[in-house]
Amino acid sequence: MQGLIQRIARHGRFRLGQMAEASIVLRARRLIDRSDARHTPVRIEGVERLCNPSILRTRGRGEGAWTVMVRSPNYRMLSDGAYIVPGGIECLSSDNWLLGYDEDLTLRSTVRLADEEAKAASPDARNGFEDPRIFDWNGTLYGLWSACRLGPDQVAPDARGASKPNWNGSRNVMAIAPVVHGAIGRSLSLPSPHGCAREKNWMPAVDGDRLMLLYRLDRMEVYRVADGALAPVHRADRPIRPLVGWSGSSQLIPWEDGWLCVAHLACRQLKASISAGPFYPHRFVRISRDWRVTGLSDPFFFEKRGVEFCSGMAVHDGRVIMSYGIDDSAAALMSLPVESVGAMITPLR
């Protein structure tokens, strides 16, 4: 009887989770439908798939007024989560491209970043450096990557030539590395502060010469990179309820007297009951200098109700520019006026 009660309780919690996800997805609006939104596709001639770009204002650098780093995966992901990878799942990897844009977001340069030496020096990155958030730290361009290393026991391809990764024994370790002379430099691996095997979606914030990393949103768990290690800075006493389940996306950028970032929510429970999904809505999060959440926007999508992922944000000349990927196969930029973004944010008390 006790087992039956536990199964019923689990099923009830799952259904409540589905209802909560459905409410968020259905009420989230698309930014592309706004009259004040500007949309720019990110494309590289001859490169089929791009995803999860990160944008940075870099006027004065050789790349141009804007720099975008974007990932080009060597795999194609199917709707059931399986991957088609040339040579088999063990060969899963990604290239990282550095794109320079003029002031009006006209593409002026593309460089595939050399990563062979960086991967050889970092066993954690055997299967590539994924989804960087780029930032300027003490005058040098850096990326905060998730270094990927698949475990040894992977599944052979099925009749479609596709495999689902076996994440047992796999690792994703966050790594910071400079970008120098068209290459990813030697990386600094940052082990999980909680011993997790797979880490993703930490958000960098540069405060003068200090590099801060927002590790967990619903606890405002923040670390500083000091002497090659993580030093605790802040952690909330209790969960921030509106952000439970939400994860990092963009960098943190200066905003008013604090910070602004974009967060995402991976809505996966709905997929168990409907043929669509998963869904990744986003929202703006306003944060004070002492790491309190002071405002939130309603959830939104960029272009479609589906898989989108924002990896970058910058502000200049009265507009906020966000960079995001779609279905691990396309990338784009979207901007809104600063006053429109401010109006979307409701104070959190």
Protein backbone atom coordinates (compact mmCIF):
# COMPACT_ATOMS: atom_id res chain seq x y z
CA MET A 1 0.00 0.00 0.00
CA GLN A 2 2.81 2.41 0.87
CA GLY A 3 4.36 1.87 -2.56
CA LEU A 4 1.04 2.59 -4.26
CA ILE A 5 0.64 5.81 -2.31
CA GLN A 6 4.15 6.92 -3.29
CA ARG A 7 3.48 6.19 -6.98
CA ILE A 8 0.23 8.17 -6.85
CA ALA A 9 2.03 11.06 -5.17
CA ARG A 10 4.80 11.03 -7.80
CA HIS A 11 2.22 10.97 -10.58
CA GLY A 12 0.35 13.86 -8.98
CA ARG A 13 3.53 15.95 -8.70
CA PHE A 14 4.34 15.17 -12.33
CA ARG A 15 0.88 16.28 -13.49
CA LEU A 16 1.16 19.47 -11.46
CA GLY A 17 4.52 20.10 -13.08
CA GLN A 18 2.98 19.62 -16.51
CA MET A 19 0.20 22.08 -15.69
CA ALA A 20 2.71 24.66 -14.49
CA GLU A 21 4.79 24.27 -17.66
CA ALA A 22 1.70 24.51 -19.85
CA SER A 23 0.67 27.75 -18.14
CA ILE A 24 4.09 29.31 -18.74
CA VAL A 25 4.35 28.17 -22.36
CA LEU A 26 0.85 29.28 -23.31
CA ARG A 27 1.10 32.78 -21.84
CA ALA A 28 4.63 33.49 -23.09
CA ARG A 29 4.63 35.92 -26.00
CA ARG A 30 7.03 36.00 -28.94
CA LEU A 31 9.38 38.96 -29.04
CA ILE A 32 9.55 38.82 -32.83
CA ASP A 33 5.88 39.90 -32.93
CA ARG A 34 6.69 43.23 -31.28
CA SER A 35 6.78 46.26 -33.57
CA ASP A 36 9.94 47.56 -31.84
CA ALA A 37 11.92 44.32 -32.23
CA ARG A 38 14.75 43.99 -34.76
CA HIS A 39 15.83 40.57 -35.97
CA THR A 40 19.16 39.63 -37.62
CA PRO A 41 19.98 36.03 -38.64
CA VAL A 42 23.51 34.82 -37.88
CA ARG A 43 24.93 32.97 -40.87
CA ILE A 44 28.33 31.74 -42.06
CA GLU A 45 28.73 30.81 -45.71
CA GLY A 46 29.26 27.09 -46.10
CA VAL A 47 28.38 26.22 -42.49
CA GLU A 48 25.11 24.32 -42.23
CA ARG A 49 24.29 24.41 -38.51
CA LEU A 50 24.95 27.16 -35.98
CA CYS A 51 23.66 27.42 -32.45
CA ASN A 52 23.74 29.37 -29.19
CA PRO A 53 25.67 32.54 -30.14
CA SER A 54 27.05 34.94 -27.53
CA ILE A 55 27.35 38.66 -28.30
CA LEU A 56 29.66 41.30 -26.84
CA ARG A 57 30.16 44.99 -27.51
CA THR A 58 33.80 45.25 -28.65
CA ARG A 59 34.29 48.63 -30.27
CA GLY A 60 38.00 49.31 -30.52
CA ARG A 61 38.91 45.67 -31.15
CA GLY A 62 39.94 44.35 -34.53
CA GLU A 63 36.79 42.26 -34.83
CA GLY A 64 34.55 45.31 -35.18
CA ALA A 65 31.93 47.10 -33.11
CA TRP A 66 30.31 43.79 -32.13
CA THR A 67 31.76 40.33 -31.58
CA VAL A 68 29.69 37.17 -31.71
CA MET A 69 30.96 33.71 -30.86
CA VAL A 70 28.82 30.89 -32.17
CA ARG A 71 29.05 27.11 -32.03
CA SER A 72 28.83 24.84 -35.06
CA PRO A 73 28.06 21.24 -33.96
CA ASN A 74 29.16 18.31 -36.10
CA TYR A 75 25.96 16.45 -35.25
CA ARG A 76 22.29 16.64 -36.12
CA MET A 77 19.86 16.16 -33.25
CA LEU A 78 16.58 14.36 -33.92
CA SER A 79 13.24 15.01 -32.24
CA ASP A 80 13.63 11.98 -29.94
CA GLY A 81 16.94 13.27 -28.59
CA ALA A 82 19.15 11.00 -30.68
CA TYR A 83 22.22 12.37 -32.47
CA ILE A 84 23.51 11.64 -35.95
CA VAL A 85 27.29 12.10 -35.80
CA PRO A 86 29.71 11.32 -38.63
CA GLY A 87 31.93 8.52 -37.38
CA GLY A 88 29.64 7.68 -34.45
CA ILE A 89 28.64 9.34 -31.21
CA GLU A 90 32.20 9.10 -29.85
CA CYS A 91 33.21 11.68 -32.47
CA LEU A 92 30.72 14.28 -31.24
CA SER A 93 32.33 17.72 -31.27
CA SER A 94 31.80 21.38 -32.16
CA ASP A 95 33.68 24.20 -33.84
CA ASN A 96 33.59 27.71 -32.39
CA TRP A 97 33.49 30.68 -34.75
CA LEU A 98 34.36 34.29 -33.99
CA LEU A 99 32.31 36.78 -36.01
CA GLY A 100 32.94 40.50 -36.28
CA TYR A 101 30.09 42.90 -37.03
CA ASP A 102 30.01 46.57 -37.94
CA GLU A 103 27.95 49.08 -36.00
CA ASP A 104 24.84 48.29 -38.06
CA LEU A 105 25.31 44.52 -37.53
CA THR A 106 26.71 43.93 -41.01
CA LEU A 107 29.00 40.90 -40.91
CA ARG A 108 32.61 41.86 -41.65
CA SER A 109 34.73 38.86 -40.59
CA THR A 110 34.51 35.15 -39.73
CA VAL A 111 37.23 33.06 -38.08
CA ARG A 112 37.03 29.43 -37.03
CA LEU A 113 38.85 29.25 -33.73
CA ALA A 114 41.67 26.74 -33.58
CA ASP A 115 41.10 24.50 -30.56
CA GLU A 116 43.40 21.52 -31.06
CA GLU A 117 46.02 22.65 -28.52
CA ALA A 118 43.37 23.70 -26.00
CA LYS A 119 41.60 20.33 -26.26
CA ALA A 120 44.88 18.43 -25.99
CA ALA A 121 45.74 20.36 -22.82
CA SER A 122 42.31 19.76 -21.26
CA PRO A 123 41.06 16.14 -21.04
CA ASP A 124 37.66 17.51 -19.97
CA ALA A 125 37.24 19.01 -23.46
CA ARG A 126 37.86 15.86 -25.48
CA ASN A 127 34.49 16.30 -27.22
CA GLY A 128 34.76 20.05 -27.55
CA PHE A 129 34.16 23.41 -25.94
CA GLU A 130 30.43 24.14 -25.99
CA ASP A 131 28.17 27.19 -25.72
CA PRO A 132 30.52 29.99 -24.62
CA ARG A 133 29.47 33.20 -22.94
CA ILE A 134 32.00 35.79 -24.02
CA PHE A 135 33.24 38.71 -21.94
CA ASP A 136 36.05 41.24 -21.75
CA TRP A 137 38.24 40.78 -18.69
CA ASN A 138 41.15 43.15 -18.15
CA GLY A 139 41.29 43.95 -21.86
CA THR A 140 41.28 40.34 -23.10
CA LEU A 141 38.43 38.49 -24.80
CA TYR A 142 37.45 35.38 -22.84
CA GLY A 143 34.90 32.63 -23.17
CA LEU A 144 33.19 30.69 -20.40
CA TRP A 145 32.61 27.26 -21.94
CA SER A 146 31.15 23.94 -20.92
CA ALA A 147 33.94 21.49 -21.75
CA CYS A 148 32.46 18.16 -22.86
CA ARG A 149 33.86 14.65 -22.42
CA LEU A 150 31.61 11.69 -23.23
CA GLY A 151 31.84 8.54 -21.17
CA PRO A 152 33.39 5.35 -22.55
CA ASP A 153 30.26 3.20 -22.91
CA GLN A 154 28.40 4.73 -25.84
CA VAL A 155 25.61 3.08 -27.85
CA ALA A 156 26.09 1.93 -31.44
CA PRO A 157 24.04 3.78 -34.10
CA ASP A 158 20.56 2.46 -34.89
CA ALA A 159 19.09 1.89 -38.35
CA ARG A 160 18.87 5.67 -38.85
CA GLY A 161 22.56 6.07 -38.07
CA ALA A 162 21.58 7.82 -34.82
CA SER A 163 22.59 7.27 -31.20
CA LYS A 164 21.42 8.67 -27.90
CA PRO A 165 24.40 9.71 -25.78
CA ASN A 166 25.00 7.64 -22.68
CA TRP A 167 25.61 10.33 -20.10
CA ASN A 168 26.78 7.84 -17.46
CA GLY A 169 30.46 8.50 -17.00
CA SER A 170 30.28 11.67 -19.10
CA ARG A 171 31.40 15.06 -17.83
CA ASN A 172 30.73 18.70 -18.54
CA VAL A 173 33.16 20.98 -16.71
CA MET A 174 32.99 24.76 -16.89
CA ALA A 175 36.16 26.24 -18.31
CA ILE A 176 37.47 29.78 -18.84
CA ALA A 177 39.86 30.44 -21.69
CA PRO A 178 41.15 33.51 -23.51
CA VAL A 179 40.71 33.92 -27.25
CA VAL A 180 44.07 34.93 -28.73
CA HIS A 181 45.23 35.11 -32.36
CA GLY A 182 42.29 33.12 -33.70
CA ALA A 183 42.59 30.29 -31.18
CA ILE A 184 41.17 29.16 -27.87
CA GLY A 185 43.95 29.59 -25.35
CA ARG A 186 44.86 27.38 -22.44
CA SER A 187 41.76 26.86 -20.32
CA LEU A 188 41.16 26.97 -16.59
CA SER A 189 38.80 24.18 -15.53
CA LEU A 190 36.41 25.06 -12.72
CA PRO A 191 35.22 21.94 -10.88
CA SER A 192 31.62 21.89 -9.75
CA PRO A 193 31.23 23.49 -6.31
CA HIS A 194 28.77 20.70 -5.48
CA GLY A 195 30.57 17.78 -7.09
CA CYS A 196 28.19 17.50 -10.07
CA ALA A 197 29.47 15.54 -13.05
CA ARG A 198 27.78 17.80 -15.60
CA GLU A 199 27.79 21.58 -15.29
CA LYS A 200 26.39 24.12 -17.75
CA ASN A 201 24.94 27.61 -17.97
CA TRP A 202 26.99 29.55 -15.44
CA MET A 203 26.77 33.29 -16.10
CA PRO A 204 29.82 35.59 -16.00
CA ALA A 205 29.74 39.13 -14.58
CA VAL A 206 32.80 41.38 -14.85
CA ASP A 207 32.98 43.90 -12.02
CA GLY A 208 36.10 46.02 -12.57
CA ASP A 209 38.99 43.56 -12.50
CA ARG A 210 36.91 40.92 -10.69
CA LEU A 211 35.28 38.02 -12.51
CA MET A 212 32.10 36.78 -10.82
CA LEU A 213 30.13 33.69 -11.82
CA LEU A 214 26.42 33.30 -11.07
CA TYR A 215 26.11 29.55 -10.54
CA ARG A 216 22.49 29.12 -9.49
CA LEU A 217 19.65 31.57 -9.98
CA ASP A 218 17.05 30.41 -7.48
CA ARG A 219 19.62 30.64 -4.70
CA MET A 220 21.63 33.57 -6.10
CA GLU A 221 24.69 31.39 -5.60
CA VAL A 222 27.68 33.45 -6.73
CA TYR A 223 31.41 32.73 -6.88
CA ARG A 224 34.48 34.79 -7.69
CA VAL A 225 37.37 33.45 -9.73
CA ALA A 226 40.43 34.05 -7.55
CA ASP A 227 43.86 32.47 -7.85
CA GLY A 228 42.58 29.89 -10.31
CA ALA A 229 39.75 28.67 -8.08
CA LEU A 230 36.20 29.51 -7.03
CA ALA A 231 35.70 31.65 -3.92
CA PRO A 232 32.14 31.86 -2.50
CA VAL A 233 30.58 35.33 -2.64
CA HIS A 234 26.86 34.97 -1.92
CA ARG A 235 24.07 32.44 -1.42
CA ALA A 236 20.49 33.22 -0.47
CA ASP A 237 19.12 31.69 2.73
CA ARG A 238 16.03 30.31 1.00
CA PRO A 239 14.96 29.59 -2.60
CA ILE A 240 13.68 32.48 -4.70
CA ARG A 241 10.33 30.94 -5.59
CA PRO A 242 9.68 32.60 -9.00
CA LEU A 243 13.07 31.33 -10.20
CA VAL A 244 12.89 27.73 -8.97
CA GLY A 245 13.70 25.57 -11.99
CA TRP A 246 15.10 28.46 -14.02
CA SER A 247 18.72 28.33 -15.20
CA GLY A 248 21.32 30.72 -16.52
CA SER A 249 21.48 31.83 -20.14
CA SER A 250 23.22 35.11 -21.00
CA GLN A 251 26.07 36.96 -19.35
CA LEU A 252 25.22 39.51 -16.68
CA ILE A 253 25.44 43.07 -18.00
CA PRO A 254 25.44 46.34 -16.03
CA TRP A 255 21.88 47.67 -15.71
CA GLU A 256 20.81 50.74 -13.75
CA ASP A 257 22.56 50.29 -10.38
CA GLY A 258 22.92 46.51 -10.69
CA TRP A 259 22.81 43.74 -13.27
CA LEU A 260 20.51 42.33 -15.93
CA CYS A 261 20.51 38.83 -17.40
CA VAL A 262 18.31 36.47 -19.38
CA ALA A 263 17.32 33.15 -17.78
CA HIS A 264 15.70 30.08 -19.34
CA LEU A 265 13.39 27.31 -18.19
CA ALA A 266 13.68 23.84 -19.73
CA CYS A 267 10.06 22.64 -19.94
CA ARG A 268 10.43 18.91 -20.61
CA GLN A 269 7.50 17.35 -18.75
CA LEU A 270 4.93 18.43 -21.35
CA LYS A 271 6.64 16.23 -23.95
CA ALA A 272 5.37 13.15 -22.11
CA SER A 273 1.75 14.02 -23.00
CA ILE A 274 1.90 15.94 -26.28
CA SER A 275 3.86 15.43 -29.47
CA ALA A 276 5.46 18.88 -29.32
CA GLY A 277 8.29 20.13 -27.15
CA PRO A 278 10.43 20.48 -25.24
CA PHE A 279 9.94 24.22 -24.72
CA TYR A 280 12.53 26.75 -23.55
CA PRO A 281 10.89 30.04 -22.49
CA HIS A 282 13.11 32.90 -21.28
CA ARG A 283 12.72 35.91 -19.00
CA PHE A 284 14.67 38.99 -17.92
CA VAL A 285 16.05 38.98 -14.37
CA ARG A 286 17.15 42.22 -12.68
CA ILE A 287 19.67 41.84 -9.85
CA SER A 288 21.06 44.33 -7.34
CA ARG A 289 24.76 44.82 -6.59
CA ASP A 290 24.33 42.85 -3.37
CA TRP A 291 22.85 39.91 -5.31
CA ARG A 292 19.15 40.33 -4.60
CA VAL A 293 16.61 39.71 -7.35
CA THR A 294 14.79 43.03 -7.73
CA GLY A 295 12.68 42.43 -10.85
CA LEU A 296 11.44 39.84 -13.32
CA SER A 297 9.76 39.95 -16.70
CA ASP A 298 7.03 37.61 -17.80
CA PRO A 299 8.34 34.57 -19.73
CA PHE A 300 8.80 35.00 -23.48
CA PHE A 301 9.98 33.23 -26.60
CA PHE A 302 12.09 34.87 -29.28
CA GLU A 303 10.64 33.40 -32.49
CA LYS A 304 8.86 30.12 -31.75
CA ARG A 305 7.36 28.06 -28.98
CA GLY A 306 10.01 25.38 -28.87
CA VAL A 307 13.74 25.00 -28.24
CA GLU A 308 15.49 28.37 -28.17
CA PHE A 309 18.52 29.25 -26.10
CA CYS A 310 19.94 32.69 -25.31
CA SER A 311 23.70 32.76 -24.68
CA GLY A 312 24.42 36.47 -24.89
CA MET A 313 23.21 39.99 -24.27
CA ALA A 314 24.66 43.48 -24.67
CA VAL A 315 23.36 47.03 -24.50
CA HIS A 316 24.39 50.03 -26.58
CA ASP A 317 22.89 53.16 -28.05
CA GLY A 318 19.51 52.69 -26.44
CA ARG A 319 18.97 49.06 -27.45
CA VAL A 320 19.40 45.68 -25.79
CA ILE A 321 20.72 43.02 -28.18
CA MET A 322 20.25 39.34 -27.39
CA SER A 323 21.85 36.41 -29.20
CA TYR A 324 20.17 33.01 -29.26
CA GLY A 325 20.04 29.63 -30.96
CA ILE A 326 17.08 27.70 -32.36
CA ASP A 327 16.82 23.88 -32.32
CA ASP A 328 20.62 23.46 -32.21
CA SER A 329 20.61 24.36 -35.90
CA ALA A 330 20.20 28.12 -36.37
CA ALA A 331 21.31 31.35 -34.68
CA ALA A 332 20.03 34.92 -34.58
CA LEU A 333 20.21 38.32 -32.91
CA MET A 334 17.22 40.28 -31.65
CA SER A 335 17.14 43.75 -30.15
CA LEU A 336 14.62 45.84 -28.23
CA PRO A 337 14.74 49.44 -27.02
CA VAL A 338 16.11 49.81 -23.50
CA GLU A 339 12.87 51.43 -22.36
CA SER A 340 10.85 48.49 -23.69
CA VAL A 341 12.96 46.00 -21.76
CA GLY A 342 12.63 48.12 -18.63
CA ALA A 343 8.86 48.23 -19.06
CA MET A 344 8.72 44.42 -19.28
CA ILE A 345 10.30 44.04 -15.83
CA THR A 346 8.06 44.02 -12.77
CA PRO A 347 9.62 44.80 -9.36
CA LEU A 348 10.01 41.78 -7.12
CA ARG A 349 9.24 42.40 -3.48
